[in-house]
Amino acid sequence: MSNFQFIVGAVRRSWGEKNKDPLVRYVRALASSYRFMRDRAVRDEVVRIILDTTGSSEEIARQTLSLYFDPERGVVPKQGEIDVKGLNEVIKVMAEAGELKPPLPAVERFIDLQFLKAAGLQ
């Protein structure tokens, strides 16, 4: 499976409409954090953050980063974008697992790109 949306942030549309400005600021900050953790120039700092927040060993932290990013596996968004094909795969897997019953919902039912677009990300 080449596309699979592993990570996603979600809010109710009504909440997003009422809180658009802080939501767009959050999306920009999240995008910045994704870009930071991908930056090889700060890999040692990212490892230290992982150690401080998880209690993991340095070896495990480096192996995890390598697994996700060397080569790119598409597990972590580049900057918070939504992989529409990947989310569609999630819907199919949920159906295979019996979590969703046919007819399967269209992926567009779950996506509102206005906040990512407002943040300049999609």
Protein backbone atom coordinates (compact mmCIF):
# COMPACT_ATOMS: atom_id res chain seq x y z
CA MET A 1 0.00 0.00 0.00
CA SER A 2 1.76 3.13 -1.18
CA ASN A 3 -0.69 5.67 0.22
CA PHE A 4 -2.04 5.47 3.75
CA GLN A 5 -2.92 8.45 5.95
CA PHE A 6 -1.30 7.50 9.26
CA ILE A 7 -1.59 10.85 11.03
CA VAL A 8 -4.40 13.35 10.88
CA GLY A 9 -5.76 16.14 13.04
CA ALA A 10 -9.50 16.62 13.05
CA VAL A 11 -12.07 19.04 14.40
CA ARG A 12 -15.79 19.41 13.95
CA ARG A 13 -16.56 21.76 11.07
CA SER A 14 -18.73 23.93 13.30
CA TRP A 15 -15.89 24.33 15.80
CA GLY A 16 -13.41 25.08 13.03
CA GLU A 17 -15.65 27.80 11.60
CA LYS A 18 -15.99 29.44 15.02
CA ASN A 19 -12.25 29.18 15.73
CA LYS A 20 -10.72 29.71 12.30
CA ASP A 21 -7.91 32.09 13.30
CA PRO A 22 -6.50 30.00 16.16
CA LEU A 23 -6.98 26.83 14.10
CA VAL A 24 -4.99 28.26 11.19
CA ARG A 25 -2.24 29.36 13.62
CA TYR A 26 -2.21 25.83 15.09
CA VAL A 27 -1.94 24.31 11.61
CA ARG A 28 1.00 26.61 10.78
CA ALA A 29 2.75 25.66 14.06
CA LEU A 30 2.14 21.97 13.40
CA ALA A 31 3.56 22.34 9.89
CA SER A 32 6.62 24.01 11.34
CA SER A 33 7.12 21.13 13.78
CA TYR A 34 6.86 18.55 10.98
CA ARG A 35 9.43 20.47 8.92
CA PHE A 36 11.70 20.75 11.96
CA MET A 37 11.68 17.04 12.75
CA ARG A 38 12.50 16.21 9.12
CA ASP A 39 15.48 18.59 8.98
CA ARG A 40 18.66 16.49 9.05
CA ALA A 41 20.63 19.51 10.28
CA VAL A 42 18.78 19.33 13.62
CA ARG A 43 18.54 15.53 13.88
CA ASP A 44 20.54 15.47 17.14
CA GLU A 45 18.18 18.02 18.69
CA VAL A 46 15.16 15.99 17.56
CA VAL A 47 16.73 12.91 19.16
CA ARG A 48 17.20 14.84 22.42
CA ILE A 49 13.55 15.92 22.34
CA ILE A 50 12.46 12.31 21.84
CA LEU A 51 14.64 11.20 24.74
CA ASP A 52 13.27 13.94 27.01
CA THR A 53 9.61 13.30 26.16
CA THR A 54 9.52 9.52 25.88
CA GLY A 55 12.35 8.19 28.02
CA SER A 56 13.44 6.13 25.03
CA SER A 57 17.05 5.20 24.44
CA GLU A 58 19.05 7.17 21.92
CA GLU A 59 19.43 4.06 19.79
CA ILE A 60 15.66 3.53 19.61
CA ALA A 61 15.04 7.23 18.89
CA ARG A 62 17.53 7.22 16.00
CA GLN A 63 16.17 3.93 14.64
CA THR A 64 12.64 5.30 14.72
CA LEU A 65 13.61 8.49 12.90
CA SER A 66 15.55 6.45 10.35
CA LEU A 67 12.61 4.10 9.86
CA TYR A 68 10.26 7.01 9.14
CA PHE A 69 12.58 9.24 7.12
CA ASP A 70 15.48 7.22 5.61
CA PRO A 71 14.07 6.75 2.98
CA GLU A 72 10.85 8.72 3.20
CA ARG A 73 7.99 6.39 4.08
CA GLY A 74 5.13 8.89 4.07
CA VAL A 75 4.20 8.06 7.69
CA VAL A 76 4.63 11.59 8.99
CA PRO A 77 3.25 14.48 6.93
CA LYS A 78 5.81 16.81 5.39
CA GLN A 79 3.93 19.78 6.84
CA GLY A 80 0.44 18.68 7.85
CA GLU A 81 -0.99 18.07 4.41
CA ILE A 82 -3.72 15.49 3.86
CA ASP A 83 -3.05 12.63 1.47
CA VAL A 84 -6.51 12.18 -0.07
CA LYS A 85 -5.58 8.83 -1.63
CA GLY A 86 -4.13 7.77 1.72
CA LEU A 87 -7.32 8.65 3.60
CA ASN A 88 -9.31 6.71 1.02
CA GLU A 89 -7.10 3.69 1.80
CA VAL A 90 -7.91 4.11 5.50
CA ILE A 91 -11.63 3.97 4.66
CA LYS A 92 -11.08 0.75 2.67
CA VAL A 93 -9.10 -0.84 5.52
CA MET A 94 -11.81 0.15 8.01
CA ALA A 95 -14.36 -1.57 5.75
CA GLU A 96 -12.20 -4.70 5.52
CA ALA A 97 -11.99 -4.73 9.32
CA GLY A 98 -15.78 -4.41 9.60
CA GLU A 99 -15.61 -0.90 11.10
CA LEU A 100 -17.48 0.62 8.15
CA LYS A 101 -20.33 -0.97 6.22
CA PRO A 102 -21.05 -0.50 2.51
CA PRO A 103 -21.79 1.76 0.87
CA LEU A 104 -18.50 3.34 1.90
CA PRO A 105 -18.50 7.10 2.41
CA ALA A 106 -16.67 9.29 -0.06
CA VAL A 107 -13.37 10.54 1.29
CA GLU A 108 -14.48 14.12 0.60
CA ARG A 109 -17.05 13.76 3.39
CA PHE A 110 -14.21 13.88 5.92
CA ILE A 111 -12.03 16.56 4.35
CA ASP A 112 -12.28 20.33 4.50
CA LEU A 113 -9.07 21.79 3.15
CA GLN A 114 -9.98 25.43 3.84
CA PHE A 115 -7.85 25.59 7.01
CA LEU A 116 -4.80 24.03 5.38
CA LYS A 117 -5.25 26.35 2.41
CA ALA A 118 -5.59 29.37 4.72
CA ALA A 119 -2.31 28.32 6.36
CA GLY A 120 -0.69 28.02 2.90
CA LEU A 121 -0.18 24.27 3.15
CA GLN A 122 -2.50 22.49 0.72
